[in-house]
N, C-alpha and C. Protein backbone atom coordinates (compact mmCIF):
# COMPACT_ATOMS: atom_id res chain seq x y z
N UNK A 1 42.77 71.91 39.81
CA UNK A 1 44.46 72.62 39.60
C UNK A 1 44.32 74.17 40.59
N UNK A 2 42.74 74.58 40.04
CA UNK A 2 42.34 75.98 40.95
C UNK A 2 42.44 76.21 42.40
N UNK A 3 42.19 74.42 43.22
CA UNK A 3 42.91 74.42 44.42
C UNK A 3 43.56 74.25 44.78
N UNK A 4 44.50 73.77 44.49
CA UNK A 4 46.12 74.10 44.37
C UNK A 4 47.10 75.25 44.28
N UNK A 5 45.92 76.00 43.05
CA UNK A 5 46.63 77.83 43.28
C UNK A 5 46.18 78.67 44.18
N UNK A 6 44.97 78.36 44.63
CA UNK A 6 43.62 79.83 44.69
C UNK A 6 44.43 80.17 46.37
N UNK A 7 45.66 79.90 46.65
CA UNK A 7 46.39 80.41 48.21
C UNK A 7 47.35 81.44 47.88
N UNK A 8 47.68 81.36 46.45
CA UNK A 8 49.06 82.12 45.51
C UNK A 8 48.00 82.93 44.89
N UNK A 9 47.23 82.51 44.50
CA UNK A 9 46.49 84.00 43.70
C UNK A 9 46.22 84.70 44.51
N UNK A 10 45.16 84.56 45.62
CA UNK A 10 45.26 84.83 46.35
C UNK A 10 46.28 85.65 47.49
N UNK A 11 47.00 85.07 46.98
CA UNK A 11 48.47 86.37 48.04
C UNK A 11 48.85 86.51 47.04
N UNK A 12 49.28 86.26 46.07
CA UNK A 12 49.81 87.95 44.49
C UNK A 12 48.97 89.17 44.16
N UNK A 13 47.63 88.44 44.27
CA UNK A 13 46.64 89.63 44.36
C UNK A 13 46.83 90.54 45.74
N UNK A 14 46.38 89.83 46.61
CA UNK A 14 46.32 90.90 47.87
C UNK A 14 47.90 91.30 48.29
N UNK A 15 48.68 91.01 47.60
CA UNK A 15 50.15 91.68 47.57
C UNK A 15 50.29 92.36 46.78
N UNK A 16 49.72 92.27 45.63
CA UNK A 16 49.34 93.27 44.91
C UNK A 16 49.03 94.28 44.98
N UNK A 17 47.78 94.38 45.93
CA UNK A 17 46.62 95.17 45.78
C UNK A 17 47.21 96.64 47.27
N UNK A 18 47.94 96.28 47.97
CA UNK A 18 49.01 95.89 49.13
C UNK A 18 50.25 96.08 49.62
N UNK A 19 50.56 96.98 48.00
CA UNK A 19 51.92 96.60 48.43
C UNK A 19 52.89 96.87 50.13
N UNK A 20 52.87 97.52 50.28
CA UNK A 20 53.33 98.53 51.60
C UNK A 20 53.18 96.96 53.13
N UNK A 21 52.23 96.39 53.01
CA UNK A 21 51.82 95.70 53.51
C UNK A 21 52.65 94.50 53.08
N UNK A 22 53.06 94.26 51.54
CA UNK A 22 53.30 92.97 51.43
C UNK A 22 55.34 93.17 51.63
N UNK A 23 55.75 94.46 51.51
CA UNK A 23 56.78 94.45 51.56
C UNK A 23 57.47 94.67 53.35
N UNK A 24 56.08 95.19 54.43
CA UNK A 24 56.47 94.66 55.52
C UNK A 24 56.29 93.84 55.90
N UNK A 25 55.71 92.37 55.32
CA UNK A 25 55.88 91.07 55.13
C UNK A 25 57.51 90.70 54.67
N UNK A 26 58.33 91.56 53.53
CA UNK A 26 59.31 91.43 53.54
C UNK A 26 60.45 91.61 55.50
N UNK A 27 60.56 92.61 55.51
CA UNK A 27 60.78 93.35 56.62
C UNK A 27 60.64 92.55 57.99
N UNK A 28 59.66 91.65 57.62
CA UNK A 28 59.07 91.11 59.32
C UNK A 28 59.42 89.30 59.08
N UNK A 29 60.28 89.48 58.34
CA UNK A 29 60.84 87.98 58.01
C UNK A 29 62.62 88.02 58.07
N UNK A 30 62.81 89.23 57.14
CA UNK A 30 64.12 90.05 57.74
C UNK A 30 64.53 90.14 56.27
N UNK A 31 63.76 89.94 55.20
CA UNK A 31 64.20 89.49 54.34
C UNK A 31 64.20 90.55 53.54
N UNK A 32 65.50 91.54 52.80
CA UNK A 32 65.91 92.04 52.06
C UNK A 32 66.83 92.09 50.61
N UNK A 33 66.75 92.94 49.99
CA UNK A 33 66.02 94.00 49.54
C UNK A 33 64.53 93.89 49.78
N UNK A 34 63.50 94.42 49.66
CA UNK A 34 62.06 93.90 50.97
C UNK A 34 61.09 94.18 49.28
N UNK A 35 60.98 95.38 48.93
CA UNK A 35 60.53 96.39 47.92
C UNK A 35 61.02 94.93 46.90
N UNK A 36 62.02 94.43 46.39
CA UNK A 36 62.59 94.46 44.94
C UNK A 36 61.81 92.52 45.55
N UNK A 37 61.89 92.03 46.90
CA UNK A 37 61.55 90.38 46.43
C UNK A 37 59.94 90.86 47.11
N UNK A 38 59.35 91.36 47.53
CA UNK A 38 58.17 91.44 47.83
C UNK A 38 57.19 91.20 46.07
N UNK A 39 57.82 92.81 45.51
CA UNK A 39 57.63 92.58 44.17
C UNK A 39 57.94 91.21 43.26
N UNK A 40 58.76 90.62 43.25
CA UNK A 40 59.54 89.69 42.49
C UNK A 40 58.68 87.95 43.31
N UNK A 41 57.87 88.05 44.84
CA UNK A 41 56.72 87.38 44.99
C UNK A 41 55.44 87.75 43.76
N UNK A 42 55.18 88.47 44.26
CA UNK A 42 54.31 88.76 43.33
C UNK A 42 54.21 88.27 42.63
N UNK A 43 54.86 88.78 41.02
CA UNK A 43 54.71 87.69 39.70
C UNK A 43 55.40 86.41 39.82
N UNK A 44 56.05 86.20 40.82
CA UNK A 44 56.26 84.52 40.77
C UNK A 44 54.93 83.23 42.11
N UNK A 45 54.04 83.85 42.55
CA UNK A 45 52.77 83.73 42.99
C UNK A 45 51.82 83.48 41.26
N UNK A 46 51.18 84.42 40.81
CA UNK A 46 51.08 85.04 39.64
C UNK A 46 50.94 84.45 38.20
N UNK A 47 52.27 84.84 38.40
CA UNK A 47 52.38 83.88 37.14
C UNK A 47 52.80 82.71 37.21
N UNK A 48 53.05 81.82 38.53
CA UNK A 48 53.68 80.28 38.26
C UNK A 48 52.05 79.66 37.64
N UNK A 49 50.71 80.33 39.17
CA UNK A 49 49.89 79.95 39.20
C UNK A 49 49.27 79.60 38.06
N UNK A 50 49.20 81.06 36.88
CA UNK A 50 49.00 81.34 35.36
C UNK A 50 49.15 80.21 34.61
N UNK A 51 50.37 79.77 34.88
CA UNK A 51 51.18 78.40 34.11
C UNK A 51 51.04 77.05 34.46
N UNK A 52 50.44 77.56 35.75
CA UNK A 52 49.71 75.57 35.96
C UNK A 52 47.87 76.18 35.36
N UNK A 53 47.03 76.77 35.88
CA UNK A 53 46.18 76.85 35.19
C UNK A 53 45.92 76.65 33.75
N UNK A 54 46.75 77.39 32.92
CA UNK A 54 46.16 77.95 31.48
C UNK A 54 46.89 76.64 31.02
N UNK A 55 47.61 75.34 31.30
CA UNK A 55 48.86 74.64 31.24
C UNK A 55 49.78 74.76 30.00
N UNK A 56 49.75 76.37 29.60
CA UNK A 56 51.15 76.69 29.50
C UNK A 56 52.51 76.45 30.09
N UNK A 57 53.75 75.47 29.51
CA UNK A 57 54.42 75.23 30.58
C UNK A 57 54.50 74.74 31.95
N UNK A 58 52.78 73.96 32.46
CA UNK A 58 52.65 73.52 33.17
C UNK A 58 53.48 73.78 34.22
N UNK A 59 54.43 72.19 34.10
CA UNK A 59 55.37 72.22 34.58
C UNK A 59 56.96 72.66 35.48
N UNK A 60 56.61 73.61 34.89
CA UNK A 60 57.62 74.48 35.25
C UNK A 60 56.89 75.68 36.48
N UNK A 61 55.46 75.58 35.62
CA UNK A 61 55.21 76.98 36.81
C UNK A 61 55.26 75.46 37.87
N UNK A 62 54.20 74.33 38.44
CA UNK A 62 54.68 73.35 39.71
C UNK A 62 55.30 74.02 39.63
N UNK A 63 56.79 72.97 39.57
CA UNK A 63 58.48 73.72 40.03
C UNK A 63 59.17 74.95 40.67
N UNK A 64 58.08 76.09 39.88
CA UNK A 64 58.09 77.25 40.60
C UNK A 64 57.55 77.02 42.15
N UNK A 65 56.16 76.45 41.67
CA UNK A 65 55.25 77.11 42.68
C UNK A 65 56.34 76.02 44.64
N UNK A 66 56.14 74.69 43.83
CA UNK A 66 56.84 73.62 44.82
C UNK A 66 58.28 74.94 45.18
N UNK A 67 58.92 74.78 45.23
CA UNK A 67 59.97 75.39 45.27
C UNK A 67 60.07 76.51 46.57
N UNK A 68 59.52 77.85 45.51
CA UNK A 68 58.80 79.26 46.42
C UNK A 68 58.36 78.50 47.66
N UNK A 69 57.40 77.38 47.18
CA UNK A 69 57.00 76.92 48.57
C UNK A 69 57.72 76.31 50.08
N UNK A 70 58.46 75.83 49.42
CA UNK A 70 59.57 75.30 50.10
C UNK A 70 60.88 76.05 51.55
N UNK A 71 60.65 76.95 50.13
CA UNK A 71 62.13 78.18 50.67
C UNK A 71 60.99 79.31 51.65
N UNK A 72 60.01 78.74 51.50
CA UNK A 72 58.99 80.73 52.29
C UNK A 72 58.76 79.73 53.82
N UNK A 73 57.79 78.37 53.25
CA UNK A 73 57.89 77.18 54.50
C UNK A 73 58.75 77.49 55.74
N UNK A 74 60.29 77.40 55.13
CA UNK A 74 61.79 77.78 56.28
C UNK A 74 61.77 78.31 56.49
N UNK A 75 61.22 79.73 55.71
CA UNK A 75 61.70 81.02 56.08
C UNK A 75 60.46 80.96 57.23
N UNK A 76 59.40 80.88 57.05
CA UNK A 76 58.54 81.77 57.69
C UNK A 76 57.59 80.60 59.26
N UNK A 77 58.13 79.45 59.16
CA UNK A 77 57.07 78.01 60.09
C UNK A 77 58.52 78.16 61.08
N UNK A 78 58.93 78.09 61.08
CA UNK A 78 60.32 77.67 61.95
C UNK A 78 59.78 77.13 63.08
N UNK A 79 58.67 76.62 63.26
CA UNK A 79 58.61 76.54 64.04
C UNK A 79 59.71 75.21 65.22
N UNK A 80 60.10 74.50 65.58
CA UNK A 80 61.32 74.71 66.33
C UNK A 80 61.99 75.46 66.56
N UNK A 81 61.55 76.92 66.78
CA UNK A 81 61.84 77.43 66.99
C UNK A 81 61.33 78.02 68.70
N UNK A 82 60.07 77.71 68.55
CA UNK A 82 58.79 79.39 69.17
C UNK A 82 58.09 77.67 70.71
N UNK A 83 57.58 79.04 71.26
CA UNK A 83 57.32 78.39 71.87
C UNK A 83 56.15 78.33 72.05
N UNK A 84 55.01 77.17 72.69
CA UNK A 84 53.49 76.60 73.08
C UNK A 84 52.93 77.95 72.94
N UNK A 85 51.35 78.53 72.59
CA UNK A 85 51.04 76.91 71.73
C UNK A 85 51.68 77.99 70.43
N UNK A 86 52.32 78.34 70.32
CA UNK A 86 52.82 78.81 68.24
C UNK A 86 53.26 77.52 68.18
N UNK A 87 53.98 77.30 68.67
CA UNK A 87 54.62 76.20 68.05
C UNK A 87 53.94 74.50 67.32
N UNK A 88 52.61 74.30 68.27
CA UNK A 88 51.76 74.33 67.67
C UNK A 88 51.45 73.71 66.32
N UNK A 89 50.57 75.02 65.98
CA UNK A 89 50.31 75.73 64.67
C UNK A 89 51.36 75.65 63.62
N UNK A 90 52.18 76.42 64.35
CA UNK A 90 53.36 76.23 63.20
C UNK A 90 53.35 75.44 62.86
N UNK A 91 54.07 74.26 63.53
CA UNK A 91 54.30 72.57 63.72
C UNK A 91 52.73 72.21 62.02
N UNK A 92 52.19 72.19 62.14
CA UNK A 92 50.64 71.85 61.10
C UNK A 92 50.78 72.58 60.14
N UNK A 93 51.11 74.14 59.88
CA UNK A 93 51.17 75.14 58.98
C UNK A 93 52.01 73.99 58.81
N UNK A 94 53.94 73.72 58.26
CA UNK A 94 54.80 73.72 58.32
C UNK A 94 54.47 72.29 57.30
N UNK A 95 53.98 71.14 57.75
CA UNK A 95 53.72 70.52 57.41
C UNK A 95 52.55 70.49 56.37
N UNK A 96 51.58 70.29 56.29
CA UNK A 96 50.17 70.65 55.44
C UNK A 96 51.76 72.05 54.21
N UNK A 97 52.11 72.98 54.16
CA UNK A 97 52.98 73.24 53.18
C UNK A 97 53.72 72.53 52.25
N UNK A 98 54.32 71.67 52.86
CA UNK A 98 54.85 70.57 52.69
C UNK A 98 54.29 69.42 52.00
N UNK A 99 53.01 68.87 52.12
CA UNK A 99 51.72 68.58 51.77
C UNK A 99 51.99 68.92 50.03
N UNK A 100 51.88 70.47 50.52
CA UNK A 100 51.00 70.97 49.42
C UNK A 100 52.44 71.22 47.91
N UNK A 101 53.64 71.23 48.35
CA UNK A 101 55.02 70.94 47.18
C UNK A 101 55.03 69.86 46.93
N UNK A 102 54.52 67.92 47.93
CA UNK A 102 54.28 67.64 47.28
C UNK A 102 53.17 67.70 45.96
N UNK A 103 52.05 68.03 46.33
CA UNK A 103 51.07 68.29 44.82
C UNK A 103 51.61 69.18 44.49
N UNK A 104 52.13 70.01 44.27
CA UNK A 104 52.83 70.35 42.90
C UNK A 104 53.84 69.37 42.24
N UNK A 105 55.19 68.88 42.79
CA UNK A 105 55.42 67.76 42.70
C UNK A 105 54.91 66.71 41.80
N UNK A 106 53.95 66.53 42.02
CA UNK A 106 53.48 65.35 41.35
C UNK A 106 52.50 66.11 40.21
N UNK A 107 52.51 67.54 39.74
CA UNK A 107 51.78 67.84 38.92
C UNK A 107 53.45 68.07 37.57
N UNK A 108 54.06 68.43 37.87
CA UNK A 108 54.51 68.50 37.93
C UNK A 108 55.23 67.64 36.66
N UNK A 109 55.26 66.28 37.81
CA UNK A 109 56.04 65.26 37.21
C UNK A 109 54.80 64.75 35.98
N UNK A 110 53.67 64.96 36.07
CA UNK A 110 51.92 64.43 35.78
C UNK A 110 52.73 65.43 34.01
N UNK A 111 52.79 66.24 34.28
CA UNK A 111 52.61 67.38 32.84
C UNK A 111 54.35 67.38 31.99
N UNK A 112 55.34 66.28 32.57
CA UNK A 112 56.03 66.25 32.36
C UNK A 112 56.48 64.73 31.49
N UNK A 113 54.81 63.74 31.99
CA UNK A 113 55.28 62.75 32.09
C UNK A 113 54.28 62.42 30.61
N UNK A 114 52.97 63.36 30.66
CA UNK A 114 51.67 63.74 29.27
C UNK A 114 53.39 64.14 27.89
N UNK A 115 53.88 65.28 28.68
CA UNK A 115 55.01 65.37 27.26
C UNK A 115 55.98 64.18 26.42
N UNK A 116 56.47 63.84 27.11
CA UNK A 116 57.35 62.82 26.47
C UNK A 116 55.96 61.50 26.27
N UNK A 117 54.86 61.56 26.37
CA UNK A 117 54.30 60.34 25.26
C UNK A 117 53.51 61.24 24.55
N UNK A 118 53.60 62.12 24.50
CA UNK A 118 52.93 62.93 22.74
C UNK A 118 53.78 62.27 21.29
């Protein structure tokens, strides 16, 4: 679980420590209002990862990160609009992120299945 959440813990922590860079990232992707969205991303990344790692409403944290990752992937990794060689690298990252989404969906499914069989 820690490895699955590592990027979100690191990302949330780095954004919290350098909030100006987090705002710049939102602006880079054309997301507004940048400040509130950056704050929401920090809370989501750290909060959902904490839910997964503690097991408290693990399914909710996993679904939150699955949804967030899917949306962020379509915002940040639009490889079909990029020229080569950027297209190649972005396409790889795009499909790696889809793998993360699948992993979070499996975590949510397993947690909900476990809760209904208790």
